[in-house]
Amino acid sequence: MNRRTSAALREDIDAPPVQQPSKKVAPDVVKLSYWGFALWWLIILGVHVVTSVYNALYAYCYWKLKDASLLVYLEFYHIGLPQEYHSTIAVVHAVMSAVHGVCILLMLGGSLWQLSLAFSPWWDSSIAQINNTAKTNSGNAGTRKSSIITTGVVKIWGRHGFCGVNGAHFYEILIWREVIETTFQTIQAYRMSVLLPRTVLNRFYVFLLAVNCWSSIIVHSVFRKRGEAQKRLACIVCDCILDLVACMGIVLIILLSYAAAYNRETLSFDYEYWWNDEWLARALNDFQMVVVVSWSDLASRSIFSLSLVVATADMKDLLRYLTRDTKRVSQS
């Protein structure tokens, strides 16, 4: 009995270890076809272009407002900040335009550098490369200590960092972002209800605001069978849509209603409009939504514009397209 037991023990010791089946690292990204990725690339580029052009034109208009006769009426009726602060408003919007302009240059330059659609010159579309990077980072912890600054930035702003789109605290940070943005958006909605007589526009904006407040719950209910990356992308898209409307949508809708009456030679409206009491009462209310009326108003416009940069950056981290090499790896 003892001989049999010892022989069995020798066989167990000499037997090769049982290899566990290798598990593929599931990337926390949204996998798209090339044409699906191209559509998202154009959408994100369009967001940057529209926001950059809008802020540039807004800065230009404030810079040229000192030479327009419209300024006389705005100062007479005390609409907007005084003229001495117009240059500051123009500079702030010019900076917002430049930030989105840098994002545009990164997307176009990266695509030219890589000869394929990319979000930056160092952006990698390969899902297999993400898997390899995740394995390498998990095994080479010592090499990451070579640069304390780089490691700190990655841990905070990296994809899997504290503020990253794939981080463990994504929803907590998203909630705090929405609290700040919703505060300014609620103030804007209140001003719209007081100043704007457009009932449909006011209700539409309040509807978007309510949907954005419940976006996380709605997304998890609708996309409960989808992956975590798809859910986070949906939450970011909802936030981006409301930021677009709050940043420029309301102002553009108001300006379009006055475009036909605006005189480009005098840079103002004709006298017949200013002597029309009904038109004047409506215009004075509408213009308070167009021009910057306080420093908090300027801060909210800047927050909405910068929030679009953060939202699009999160989208860029989540979106990847399947290359031929990736398909071979997934099939094998």
C-alpha atoms as a PDB file:
ATOM      1  CA  MET A   1       0.000   0.000   0.000  1.00  0.00           C
ATOM      2  CA  ASN A   2       2.856   2.355   0.875  1.00  0.00           C
ATOM      3  CA  ARG A   3       4.705   1.427  -2.326  1.00  0.00           C
ATOM      4  CA  ARG A   4       1.665   2.287  -4.436  1.00  0.00           C
ATOM      5  CA  THR A   5       1.188   5.601  -2.647  1.00  0.00           C
ATOM      6  CA  SER A   6       4.825   6.604  -3.093  1.00  0.00           C
ATOM      7  CA  ALA A   7       4.731   5.642  -6.771  1.00  0.00           C
ATOM      8  CA  ALA A   8       1.615   7.727  -7.326  1.00  0.00           C
ATOM      9  CA  LEU A   9       3.262  10.669  -5.627  1.00  0.00           C
ATOM     10  CA  ARG A  10       6.312  10.364  -7.892  1.00  0.00           C
ATOM     11  CA  GLU A  11       4.065  10.355 -10.966  1.00  0.00           C
ATOM     12  CA  ASP A  12       2.257  13.481  -9.769  1.00  0.00           C
ATOM     13  CA  ILE A  13       5.533  15.264  -9.143  1.00  0.00           C
ATOM     14  CA  ASP A  14       7.055  14.288 -12.490  1.00  0.00           C
ATOM     15  CA  ALA A  15       3.877  15.100 -14.459  1.00  0.00           C
ATOM     16  CA  PRO A  16       3.972  18.450 -16.300  1.00  0.00           C
ATOM     17  CA  PRO A  17       1.801  21.184 -14.814  1.00  0.00           C
ATOM     18  CA  VAL A  18      -1.664  21.541 -16.272  1.00  0.00           C
ATOM     19  CA  GLN A  19      -1.833  24.703 -18.389  1.00  0.00           C
ATOM     20  CA  GLN A  20      -4.865  26.839 -17.854  1.00  0.00           C
ATOM     21  CA  PRO A  21      -6.547  28.114 -21.015  1.00  0.00           C
ATOM     22  CA  SER A  22      -5.333  31.593 -21.800  1.00  0.00           C
ATOM     23  CA  LYS A  23      -7.904  34.286 -21.374  1.00  0.00           C
ATOM     24  CA  LYS A  24      -8.000  37.088 -23.843  1.00  0.00           C
ATOM     25  CA  VAL A  25      -7.911  40.538 -22.385  1.00  0.00           C
ATOM     26  CA  ALA A  26     -11.230  42.144 -23.203  1.00  0.00           C
ATOM     27  CA  PRO A  27     -10.532  45.755 -24.165  1.00  0.00           C
ATOM     28  CA  ASP A  28     -12.781  48.393 -22.615  1.00  0.00           C
ATOM     29  CA  VAL A  29     -13.539  49.965 -25.978  1.00  0.00           C
ATOM     30  CA  VAL A  30     -16.369  50.104 -28.486  1.00  0.00           C
ATOM     31  CA  LYS A  31     -15.341  47.987 -31.473  1.00  0.00           C
ATOM     32  CA  LEU A  32     -16.559  49.374 -34.799  1.00  0.00           C
ATOM     33  CA  SER A  33     -16.128  48.652 -38.449  1.00  0.00           C
ATOM     34  CA  TYR A  34     -13.906  51.050 -40.359  1.00  0.00           C
ATOM     35  CA  TRP A  35     -16.851  52.900 -41.911  1.00  0.00           C
ATOM     36  CA  GLY A  36     -18.638  53.053 -38.568  1.00  0.00           C
ATOM     37  CA  PHE A  37     -15.510  54.521 -37.044  1.00  0.00           C
ATOM     38  CA  ALA A  38     -15.259  56.977 -39.954  1.00  0.00           C
ATOM     39  CA  LEU A  39     -18.774  58.212 -39.187  1.00  0.00           C
ATOM     40  CA  TRP A  40     -17.909  58.803 -35.533  1.00  0.00           C
ATOM     41  CA  TRP A  41     -14.648  60.476 -36.582  1.00  0.00           C
ATOM     42  CA  LEU A  42     -16.566  62.925 -38.774  1.00  0.00           C
ATOM     43  CA  ILE A  43     -19.090  63.609 -36.004  1.00  0.00           C
ATOM     44  CA  ILE A  44     -16.368  64.404 -33.466  1.00  0.00           C
ATOM     45  CA  LEU A  45     -14.505  66.526 -36.008  1.00  0.00           C
ATOM     46  CA  GLY A  46     -17.750  68.363 -36.743  1.00  0.00           C
ATOM     47  CA  VAL A  47     -18.263  69.103 -33.043  1.00  0.00           C
ATOM     48  CA  HIS A  48     -14.777  70.631 -32.821  1.00  0.00           C
ATOM     49  CA  VAL A  49     -15.195  72.604 -36.050  1.00  0.00           C
ATOM     50  CA  VAL A  50     -18.608  74.020 -35.168  1.00  0.00           C
ATOM     51  CA  THR A  51     -17.564  74.942 -31.632  1.00  0.00           C
ATOM     52  CA  SER A  52     -14.283  76.486 -32.771  1.00  0.00           C
ATOM     53  CA  VAL A  53     -15.911  78.535 -35.530  1.00  0.00           C
ATOM     54  CA  TYR A  54     -18.722  79.663 -33.213  1.00  0.00           C
ATOM     55  CA  ASN A  55     -16.323  80.854 -30.502  1.00  0.00           C
ATOM     56  CA  ALA A  56     -14.098  82.547 -33.080  1.00  0.00           C
ATOM     57  CA  LEU A  57     -17.034  84.438 -34.590  1.00  0.00           C
ATOM     58  CA  TYR A  58     -18.335  85.343 -31.126  1.00  0.00           C
ATOM     59  CA  ALA A  59     -14.900  86.720 -30.188  1.00  0.00           C
ATOM     60  CA  TYR A  60     -14.700  88.645 -33.474  1.00  0.00           C
ATOM     61  CA  CYS A  61     -18.142  90.181 -32.974  1.00  0.00           C
ATOM     62  CA  TYR A  62     -17.254  91.352 -29.472  1.00  0.00           C
ATOM     63  CA  TRP A  63     -13.961  92.723 -30.761  1.00  0.00           C
ATOM     64  CA  LYS A  64     -15.749  94.726 -33.466  1.00  0.00           C
ATOM     65  CA  LEU A  65     -18.682  95.723 -31.272  1.00  0.00           C
ATOM     66  CA  LYS A  66     -16.962  98.962 -30.257  1.00  0.00           C
ATOM     67  CA  ASP A  67     -17.293 100.195 -33.861  1.00  0.00           C
ATOM     68  CA  ALA A  68     -20.947  99.160 -34.255  1.00  0.00           C
ATOM     69  CA  SER A  69     -23.884 101.460 -33.657  1.00  0.00           C
ATOM     70  CA  LEU A  70     -25.607  98.549 -31.936  1.00  0.00           C
ATOM     71  CA  LEU A  71     -23.386  99.203 -28.929  1.00  0.00           C
ATOM     72  CA  VAL A  72     -25.161 102.509 -28.341  1.00  0.00           C
ATOM     73  CA  TYR A  73     -28.496 100.761 -27.856  1.00  0.00           C
ATOM     74  CA  LEU A  74     -26.998  98.003 -25.709  1.00  0.00           C
ATOM     75  CA  GLU A  75     -25.409 100.520 -23.369  1.00  0.00           C
ATOM     76  CA  PHE A  76     -28.519 102.703 -23.307  1.00  0.00           C
ATOM     77  CA  TYR A  77     -30.708  99.798 -22.193  1.00  0.00           C
ATOM     78  CA  HIS A  78     -27.947  98.356 -19.926  1.00  0.00           C
ATOM     79  CA  ILE A  79     -27.731  95.000 -21.695  1.00  0.00           C
ATOM     80  CA  GLY A  80     -24.544  93.024 -21.156  1.00  0.00           C
ATOM     81  CA  LEU A  81     -21.295  93.866 -19.433  1.00  0.00           C
ATOM     82  CA  PRO A  82     -19.806  97.351 -19.958  1.00  0.00           C
ATOM     83  CA  GLN A  83     -17.612  98.075 -22.960  1.00  0.00           C
ATOM     84  CA  GLU A  84     -14.406  97.998 -20.900  1.00  0.00           C
ATOM     85  CA  TYR A  85     -14.829  94.232 -20.453  1.00  0.00           C
ATOM     86  CA  HIS A  86     -15.554  93.418 -24.096  1.00  0.00           C
ATOM     87  CA  SER A  87     -11.903  92.691 -24.873  1.00  0.00           C
ATOM     88  CA  THR A  88     -11.790  90.174 -22.007  1.00  0.00           C
ATOM     89  CA  ILE A  89     -14.882  88.431 -23.326  1.00  0.00           C
ATOM     90  CA  ALA A  90     -13.344  88.316 -26.804  1.00  0.00           C
ATOM     91  CA  VAL A  91     -10.080  86.841 -25.493  1.00  0.00           C
ATOM     92  CA  VAL A  92     -11.884  84.149 -23.471  1.00  0.00           C
ATOM     93  CA  HIS A  93     -13.880  83.018 -26.506  1.00  0.00           C
ATOM     94  CA  ALA A  94     -10.756  83.164 -28.674  1.00  0.00           C
ATOM     95  CA  VAL A  95      -9.019  80.820 -26.234  1.00  0.00           C
ATOM     96  CA  MET A  96     -11.995  78.433 -26.356  1.00  0.00           C
ATOM     97  CA  SER A  97     -11.817  78.523 -30.143  1.00  0.00           C
ATOM     98  CA  ALA A  98      -8.076  77.820 -30.049  1.00  0.00           C
ATOM     99  CA  VAL A  99      -8.551  74.802 -27.750  1.00  0.00           C
ATOM    100  CA  HIS A 100     -10.957  73.203 -30.201  1.00  0.00           C
ATOM    101  CA  GLY A 101      -8.681  74.277 -33.043  1.00  0.00           C
ATOM    102  CA  VAL A 102      -5.837  72.279 -31.481  1.00  0.00           C
ATOM    103  CA  CYS A 103      -8.127  69.237 -31.349  1.00  0.00           C
ATOM    104  CA  ILE A 104      -8.883  69.708 -35.052  1.00  0.00           C
ATOM    105  CA  LEU A 105      -5.199  69.926 -35.924  1.00  0.00           C
ATOM    106  CA  LEU A 106      -4.459  66.799 -33.883  1.00  0.00           C
ATOM    107  CA  MET A 107      -7.155  64.839 -35.707  1.00  0.00           C
ATOM    108  CA  LEU A 108      -6.146  66.009 -39.168  1.00  0.00           C
ATOM    109  CA  GLY A 109      -2.403  65.821 -38.481  1.00  0.00           C
ATOM    110  CA  GLY A 110      -2.712  62.390 -36.897  1.00  0.00           C
ATOM    111  CA  SER A 111      -4.685  61.081 -39.859  1.00  0.00           C
ATOM    112  CA  LEU A 112      -2.088  62.399 -42.292  1.00  0.00           C
ATOM    113  CA  TRP A 113       0.776  61.042 -40.195  1.00  0.00           C
ATOM    114  CA  GLN A 114      -0.709  57.562 -39.912  1.00  0.00           C
ATOM    115  CA  LEU A 115      -2.263  57.597 -43.403  1.00  0.00           C
ATOM    116  CA  SER A 116      -5.519  56.498 -41.781  1.00  0.00           C
ATOM    117  CA  LEU A 117      -8.243  58.035 -39.661  1.00  0.00           C
ATOM    118  CA  ALA A 118      -6.840  58.844 -36.231  1.00  0.00           C
ATOM    119  CA  PHE A 119      -7.499  61.250 -33.384  1.00  0.00           C
ATOM    120  CA  SER A 120      -3.843  62.230 -32.891  1.00  0.00           C
ATOM    121  CA  PRO A 121      -0.406  61.326 -34.311  1.00  0.00           C
ATOM    122  CA  TRP A 122       0.266  58.918 -31.410  1.00  0.00           C
ATOM    123  CA  TRP A 123      -3.233  57.415 -31.342  1.00  0.00           C
ATOM    124  CA  ASP A 124      -3.400  53.638 -31.915  1.00  0.00           C
ATOM    125  CA  SER A 125      -6.530  52.107 -33.396  1.00  0.00           C
ATOM    126  CA  SER A 126      -5.452  48.496 -32.888  1.00  0.00           C
ATOM    127  CA  ILE A 127      -7.453  46.614 -30.270  1.00  0.00           C
ATOM    128  CA  ALA A 128      -4.787  43.936 -30.200  1.00  0.00           C
ATOM    129  CA  GLN A 129      -2.224  46.597 -29.332  1.00  0.00           C
ATOM    130  CA  ILE A 130      -4.408  47.719 -26.429  1.00  0.00           C
ATOM    131  CA  ASN A 131      -4.480  44.146 -25.146  1.00  0.00           C
ATOM    132  CA  ASN A 132      -0.708  43.839 -25.449  1.00  0.00           C
ATOM    133  CA  THR A 133      -0.246  47.189 -23.720  1.00  0.00           C
ATOM    134  CA  ALA A 134      -2.466  46.108 -20.858  1.00  0.00           C
ATOM    135  CA  LYS A 135      -0.429  42.899 -20.430  1.00  0.00           C
ATOM    136  CA  THR A 136       2.859  44.771 -20.664  1.00  0.00           C
ATOM    137  CA  ASN A 137       1.804  47.388 -18.150  1.00  0.00           C
ATOM    138  CA  SER A 138       0.675  44.728 -15.705  1.00  0.00           C
ATOM    139  CA  GLY A 139       4.023  42.921 -15.957  1.00  0.00           C
ATOM    140  CA  ASN A 140       6.424  45.849 -16.129  1.00  0.00           C
ATOM    141  CA  ALA A 141       5.509  47.847 -13.065  1.00  0.00           C
ATOM    142  CA  GLY A 142       9.141  48.744 -12.467  1.00  0.00           C
ATOM    143  CA  THR A 143       9.628  50.452 -15.806  1.00  0.00           C
ATOM    144  CA  ARG A 144       6.751  52.819 -15.149  1.00  0.00           C
ATOM    145  CA  LYS A 145       8.609  54.228 -12.137  1.00  0.00           C
ATOM    146  CA  SER A 146      11.234  55.709 -14.445  1.00  0.00           C
ATOM    147  CA  SER A 147       9.172  58.829 -14.909  1.00  0.00           C
ATOM    148  CA  ILE A 148       7.262  60.000 -11.844  1.00  0.00           C
ATOM    149  CA  ILE A 149       5.498  62.794 -13.712  1.00  0.00           C
ATOM    150  CA  THR A 150       4.380  60.533 -16.557  1.00  0.00           C
ATOM    151  CA  THR A 151       3.192  57.890 -14.129  1.00  0.00           C
ATOM    152  CA  GLY A 152       1.248  60.457 -12.123  1.00  0.00           C
ATOM    153  CA  VAL A 153      -0.415  61.868 -15.239  1.00  0.00           C
ATOM    154  CA  VAL A 154      -1.349  58.379 -16.439  1.00  0.00           C
ATOM    155  CA  LYS A 155      -2.781  57.431 -13.064  1.00  0.00           C
ATOM    156  CA  ILE A 156      -4.952  60.562 -13.031  1.00  0.00           C
ATOM    157  CA  TRP A 157      -5.802  61.269 -16.687  1.00  0.00           C
ATOM    158  CA  GLY A 158      -5.033  57.938 -18.334  1.00  0.00           C
ATOM    159  CA  ARG A 159      -7.743  55.709 -19.777  1.00  0.00           C
ATOM    160  CA  HIS A 160      -7.738  53.547 -16.628  1.00  0.00           C
ATOM    161  CA  GLY A 161      -6.709  56.378 -14.306  1.00  0.00           C
ATOM    162  CA  PHE A 162      -8.728  58.145 -11.660  1.00  0.00           C
ATOM    163  CA  CYS A 163     -10.367  60.509 -14.168  1.00  0.00           C
ATOM    164  CA  GLY A 164     -10.140  58.139 -17.135  1.00  0.00           C
ATOM    165  CA  VAL A 165     -13.098  56.941 -19.128  1.00  0.00           C
ATOM    166  CA  ASN A 166     -12.261  53.322 -18.198  1.00  0.00           C
ATOM    167  CA  GLY A 167     -11.439  54.137 -14.601  1.00  0.00           C
ATOM    168  CA  ALA A 168     -13.223  52.727 -11.579  1.00  0.00           C
ATOM    169  CA  HIS A 169     -14.519  56.186 -10.595  1.00  0.00           C
ATOM    170  CA  PHE A 170     -15.973  57.113 -13.977  1.00  0.00           C
ATOM    171  CA  TYR A 171     -19.580  57.425 -12.829  1.00  0.00           C
ATOM    172  CA  GLU A 172     -18.690  59.340  -9.659  1.00  0.00           C
ATOM    173  CA  ILE A 173     -16.738  61.902 -11.704  1.00  0.00           C
ATOM    174  CA  LEU A 174     -19.502  61.995 -14.309  1.00  0.00           C
ATOM    175  CA  ILE A 175     -22.050  62.778 -11.600  1.00  0.00           C
ATOM    176  CA  TRP A 176     -19.944  65.660 -10.269  1.00  0.00           C
ATOM    177  CA  ARG A 177     -19.480  66.977 -13.797  1.00  0.00           C
ATOM    178  CA  GLU A 178     -23.211  66.820 -14.382  1.00  0.00           C
ATOM    179  CA  VAL A 179     -23.905  68.560 -11.056  1.00  0.00           C
ATOM    180  CA  ILE A 180     -21.719  71.512 -12.073  1.00  0.00           C
ATOM    181  CA  GLU A 181     -23.067  71.637 -15.615  1.00  0.00           C
ATOM    182  CA  THR A 182     -26.683  71.139 -14.541  1.00  0.00           C
ATOM    183  CA  THR A 183     -26.389  74.057 -12.116  1.00  0.00           C
ATOM    184  CA  PHE A 184     -25.448  76.438 -14.920  1.00  0.00           C
ATOM    185  CA  GLN A 185     -27.912  74.810 -17.323  1.00  0.00           C
ATOM    186  CA  THR A 186     -30.735  75.211 -14.796  1.00  0.00           C
ATOM    187  CA  ILE A 187     -29.876  78.891 -14.446  1.00  0.00           C
ATOM    188  CA  GLN A 188     -29.934  79.177 -18.225  1.00  0.00           C
ATOM    189  CA  ALA A 189     -33.292  77.391 -18.392  1.00  0.00           C
ATOM    190  CA  TYR A 190     -34.721  79.791 -15.796  1.00  0.00           C
ATOM    191  CA  ARG A 191     -33.456  82.818 -17.723  1.00  0.00           C
ATOM    192  CA  MET A 192     -34.958  81.389 -20.901  1.00  0.00           C
ATOM    193  CA  SER A 193     -38.354  80.925 -19.243  1.00  0.00           C
ATOM    194  CA  VAL A 194     -38.274  84.543 -18.029  1.00  0.00           C
ATOM    195  CA  LEU A 195     -36.843  86.232 -21.115  1.00  0.00           C
ATOM    196  CA  LEU A 196     -37.794  84.145 -24.138  1.00  0.00           C
ATOM    197  CA  PRO A 197     -41.427  83.930 -25.278  1.00  0.00           C
ATOM    198  CA  ARG A 198     -40.650  80.800 -27.320  1.00  0.00           C
ATOM    199  CA  THR A 199     -42.585  78.105 -25.489  1.00  0.00           C
ATOM    200  CA  VAL A 200     -41.487  75.236 -27.732  1.00  0.00           C
ATOM    201  CA  LEU A 201     -37.807  76.115 -27.366  1.00  0.00           C
ATOM    202  CA  ASN A 202     -38.093  76.434 -23.581  1.00  0.00           C
ATOM    203  CA  ARG A 203     -39.849  73.091 -23.231  1.00  0.00           C
ATOM    204  CA  PHE A 204     -37.363  71.397 -25.525  1.00  0.00           C
ATOM    205  CA  TYR A 205     -34.427  72.662 -23.468  1.00  0.00           C
ATOM    206  CA  VAL A 206     -36.067  71.601 -20.184  1.00  0.00           C
ATOM    207  CA  PHE A 207     -36.717  68.172 -21.732  1.00  0.00           C
ATOM    208  CA  LEU A 208     -33.039  67.797 -22.652  1.00  0.00           C
ATOM    209  CA  LEU A 209     -32.049  68.922 -19.173  1.00  0.00           C
ATOM    210  CA  ALA A 210     -34.318  66.330 -17.552  1.00  0.00           C
ATOM    211  CA  VAL A 211     -33.063  63.562 -19.833  1.00  0.00           C
ATOM    212  CA  ASN A 212     -29.454  64.460 -19.047  1.00  0.00           C
ATOM    213  CA  CYS A 213     -30.140  64.282 -15.304  1.00  0.00           C
ATOM    214  CA  TRP A 214     -31.475  60.742 -15.694  1.00  0.00           C
ATOM    215  CA  SER A 215     -29.135  59.726 -18.507  1.00  0.00           C
ATOM    216  CA  SER A 216     -27.158  57.181 -16.475  1.00  0.00           C
ATOM    217  CA  ILE A 217     -30.283  55.348 -15.313  1.00  0.00           C
ATOM    218  CA  ILE A 218     -31.873  55.486 -18.774  1.00  0.00           C
ATOM    219  CA  VAL A 219     -28.706  54.216 -20.464  1.00  0.00           C
ATOM    220  CA  HIS A 220     -28.301  51.292 -18.045  1.00  0.00           C
ATOM    221  CA  SER A 221     -31.956  50.361 -18.545  1.00  0.00           C
ATOM    222  CA  VAL A 222     -31.896  50.551 -22.331  1.00  0.00           C
ATOM    223  CA  PHE A 223     -28.389  49.097 -22.822  1.00  0.00           C
ATOM    224  CA  ARG A 224     -28.454  46.586 -19.960  1.00  0.00           C
ATOM    225  CA  LYS A 225     -27.369  43.773 -22.308  1.00  0.00           C
ATOM    226  CA  ARG A 226     -24.559  45.790 -23.861  1.00  0.00           C
ATOM    227  CA  GLY A 227     -20.982  46.091 -22.670  1.00  0.00           C
ATOM    228  CA  GLU A 228     -19.735  48.646 -20.180  1.00  0.00           C
ATOM    229  CA  ALA A 229     -17.960  50.622 -22.905  1.00  0.00           C
ATOM    230  CA  GLN A 230     -21.206  51.079 -24.856  1.00  0.00           C
ATOM    231  CA  LYS A 231     -22.980  52.311 -21.720  1.00  0.00           C
ATOM    232  CA  ARG A 232     -20.301  54.851 -20.942  1.00  0.00           C
ATOM    233  CA  LEU A 233     -20.253  56.046 -24.541  1.00  0.00           C
ATOM    234  CA  ALA A 234     -24.031  56.567 -24.450  1.00  0.00           C
ATOM    235  CA  CYS A 235     -23.765  58.607 -21.237  1.00  0.00           C
ATOM    236  CA  ILE A 236     -21.060  60.790 -22.755  1.00  0.00           C
ATOM    237  CA  VAL A 237     -23.072  61.345 -25.949  1.00  0.00           C
ATOM    238  CA  CYS A 238     -26.103  62.499 -23.921  1.00  0.00           C
ATOM    239  CA  ASP A 239     -23.925  64.944 -22.007  1.00  0.00           C
ATOM    240  CA  CYS A 240     -22.304  66.183 -25.232  1.00  0.00           C
ATOM    241  CA  ILE A 241     -25.663  66.881 -26.904  1.00  0.00           C
ATOM    242  CA  LEU A 242     -26.883  69.068 -24.043  1.00  0.00           C
ATOM    243  CA  ASP A 243     -23.551  70.905 -23.899  1.00  0.00           C
ATOM    244  CA  LEU A 244     -23.844  71.698 -27.610  1.00  0.00           C
ATOM    245  CA  VAL A 245     -27.345  73.101 -27.176  1.00  0.00           C
ATOM    246  CA  ALA A 246     -26.344  75.074 -24.089  1.00  0.00           C
ATOM    247  CA  CYS A 247     -23.103  76.351 -25.593  1.00  0.00           C
ATOM    248  CA  MET A 248     -24.342  77.609 -28.946  1.00  0.00           C
ATOM    249  CA  GLY A 249     -27.739  76.156 -29.884  1.00  0.00           C
ATOM    250  CA  ILE A 250     -29.884  78.683 -28.025  1.00  0.00           C
ATOM    251  CA  VAL A 251     -27.827  81.661 -29.188  1.00  0.00           C
ATOM    252  CA  LEU A 252     -27.850  80.552 -32.835  1.00  0.00           C
ATOM    253  CA  ILE A 253     -31.623  80.027 -32.832  1.00  0.00           C
ATOM    254  CA  ILE A 254     -32.132  83.546 -31.479  1.00  0.00           C
ATOM    255  CA  LEU A 255     -29.675  85.126 -33.898  1.00  0.00           C
ATOM    256  CA  LEU A 256     -31.246  83.438 -36.908  1.00  0.00           C
ATOM    257  CA  SER A 257     -34.570  85.079 -36.095  1.00  0.00           C
ATOM    258  CA  TYR A 258     -32.895  88.533 -36.349  1.00  0.00           C
ATOM    259  CA  ALA A 259     -30.596  87.836 -39.315  1.00  0.00           C
ATOM    260  CA  ALA A 260     -32.971  89.258 -41.934  1.00  0.00           C
ATOM    261  CA  ALA A 261     -33.460  92.531 -40.052  1.00  0.00           C
ATOM    262  CA  TYR A 262     -29.764  93.137 -39.327  1.00  0.00           C
ATOM    263  CA  ASN A 263     -28.089  95.875 -41.393  1.00  0.00           C
ATOM    264  CA  ARG A 264     -24.503  94.874 -42.185  1.00  0.00           C
ATOM    265  CA  GLU A 265     -23.545  98.384 -43.280  1.00  0.00           C
ATOM    266  CA  THR A 266     -24.427 100.118 -40.018  1.00  0.00           C
ATOM    267  CA  LEU A 267     -23.751  96.995 -37.936  1.00  0.00           C
ATOM    268  CA  SER A 268     -27.105  97.431 -36.262  1.00  0.00           C
ATOM    269  CA  PHE A 269     -30.843  97.373 -36.944  1.00  0.00           C
ATOM    270  CA  ASP A 270     -32.681 100.116 -38.787  1.00  0.00           C
ATOM    271  CA  TYR A 271     -34.438 102.850 -36.790  1.00  0.00           C
ATOM    272  CA  GLU A 272     -37.873 101.582 -37.725  1.00  0.00           C
ATOM    273  CA  TYR A 273     -37.265  98.477 -35.632  1.00  0.00           C
ATOM    274  CA  TRP A 274     -36.125 100.399 -32.572  1.00  0.00           C
ATOM    275  CA  TRP A 275     -39.287 102.533 -32.690  1.00  0.00           C
ATOM    276  CA  ASN A 276     -41.482  99.423 -32.799  1.00  0.00           C
ATOM    277  CA  ASP A 277     -42.472  98.798 -29.168  1.00  0.00           C
ATOM    278  CA  GLU A 278     -43.387  95.147 -29.704  1.00  0.00           C
ATOM    279  CA  TRP A 279     -40.136  94.376 -31.552  1.00  0.00           C
ATOM    280  CA  LEU A 280     -38.092  96.362 -29.022  1.00  0.00           C
ATOM    281  CA  ALA A 281     -39.555  94.572 -26.004  1.00  0.00           C
ATOM    282  CA  ARG A 282     -38.869  91.196 -27.536  1.00  0.00           C
ATOM    283  CA  ALA A 283     -35.377  92.133 -28.734  1.00  0.00           C
ATOM    284  CA  LEU A 284     -34.287  93.458 -25.350  1.00  0.00           C
ATOM    285  CA  ASN A 285     -35.196  90.148 -23.744  1.00  0.00           C
ATOM    286  CA  ASP A 286     -33.625  88.044 -26.504  1.00  0.00           C
ATOM    287  CA  PHE A 287     -30.373  90.011 -26.523  1.00  0.00           C
ATOM    288  CA  GLN A 288     -29.845  89.206 -22.846  1.00  0.00           C
ATOM    289  CA  MET A 289     -29.502  85.564 -23.874  1.00  0.00           C
ATOM    290  CA  VAL A 290     -27.080  86.408 -26.684  1.00  0.00           C
ATOM    291  CA  VAL A 291     -24.606  88.796 -25.046  1.00  0.00           C
ATOM    292  CA  VAL A 292     -22.623  88.119 -21.873  1.00  0.00           C
ATOM    293  CA  VAL A 293     -24.560  89.720 -19.016  1.00  0.00           C
ATOM    294  CA  SER A 294     -22.360  88.718 -16.042  1.00  0.00           C
ATOM    295  CA  TRP A 295     -19.127  87.013 -15.116  1.00  0.00           C
ATOM    296  CA  SER A 296     -21.017  83.880 -14.121  1.00  0.00           C
ATOM    297  CA  ASP A 297     -22.567  83.884 -17.591  1.00  0.00           C
ATOM    298  CA  LEU A 298     -19.083  84.028 -19.122  1.00  0.00           C
ATOM    299  CA  ALA A 299     -17.941  81.223 -16.824  1.00  0.00           C
ATOM    300  CA  SER A 300     -20.869  79.010 -17.825  1.00  0.00           C
ATOM    301  CA  ARG A 301     -20.162  79.531 -21.542  1.00  0.00           C
ATOM    302  CA  SER A 302     -16.519  78.569 -20.961  1.00  0.00           C
ATOM    303  CA  ILE A 303     -17.511  75.486 -18.945  1.00  0.00           C
ATOM    304  CA  PHE A 304     -19.877  74.291 -21.673  1.00  0.00           C
ATOM    305  CA  SER A 305     -17.171  74.717 -24.306  1.00  0.00           C
ATOM    306  CA  LEU A 306     -14.488  72.955 -22.261  1.00  0.00           C
ATOM    307  CA  SER A 307     -16.933  70.197 -21.348  1.00  0.00           C
ATOM    308  CA  LEU A 308     -17.240  69.423 -25.054  1.00  0.00           C
ATOM    309  CA  VAL A 309     -13.472  68.944 -25.184  1.00  0.00           C
ATOM    310  CA  VAL A 310     -13.603  66.527 -22.239  1.00  0.00           C
ATOM    311  CA  ALA A 311     -16.580  64.633 -23.692  1.00  0.00           C
ATOM    312  CA  THR A 312     -14.996  64.229 -27.117  1.00  0.00           C
ATOM    313  CA  ALA A 313     -11.709  63.155 -25.502  1.00  0.00           C
ATOM    314  CA  ASP A 314     -13.571  60.382 -23.664  1.00  0.00           C
ATOM    315  CA  MET A 315     -15.195  59.320 -26.933  1.00  0.00           C
ATOM    316  CA  LYS A 316     -11.785  59.136 -28.599  1.00  0.00           C
ATOM    317  CA  ASP A 317     -10.561  56.799 -25.859  1.00  0.00           C
ATOM    318  CA  LEU A 318     -13.560  54.514 -26.256  1.00  0.00           C
ATOM    319  CA  LEU A 319     -13.812  54.246 -30.047  1.00  0.00           C
ATOM    320  CA  ARG A 320     -11.698  51.719 -31.947  1.00  0.00           C
ATOM    321  CA  TYR A 321     -12.157  50.012 -35.296  1.00  0.00           C
ATOM    322  CA  LEU A 322     -11.434  46.419 -36.222  1.00  0.00           C
ATOM    323  CA  THR A 323      -8.431  46.048 -38.524  1.00  0.00           C
ATOM    324  CA  ARG A 324      -7.619  42.921 -40.491  1.00  0.00           C
ATOM    325  CA  ASP A 325      -4.961  41.914 -37.979  1.00  0.00           C
ATOM    326  CA  THR A 326      -7.422  42.330 -35.137  1.00  0.00           C
ATOM    327  CA  LYS A 327      -9.970  40.136 -36.901  1.00  0.00           C
ATOM    328  CA  ARG A 328      -7.367  37.406 -37.356  1.00  0.00           C
ATOM    329  CA  VAL A 329      -6.461  37.560 -33.662  1.00  0.00           C
ATOM    330  CA  SER A 330     -10.110  37.411 -32.574  1.00  0.00           C
ATOM    331  CA  GLN A 331     -10.848  34.493 -34.881  1.00  0.00           C
ATOM    332  CA  SER A 332      -7.802  32.545 -33.686  1.00  0.00           C
END
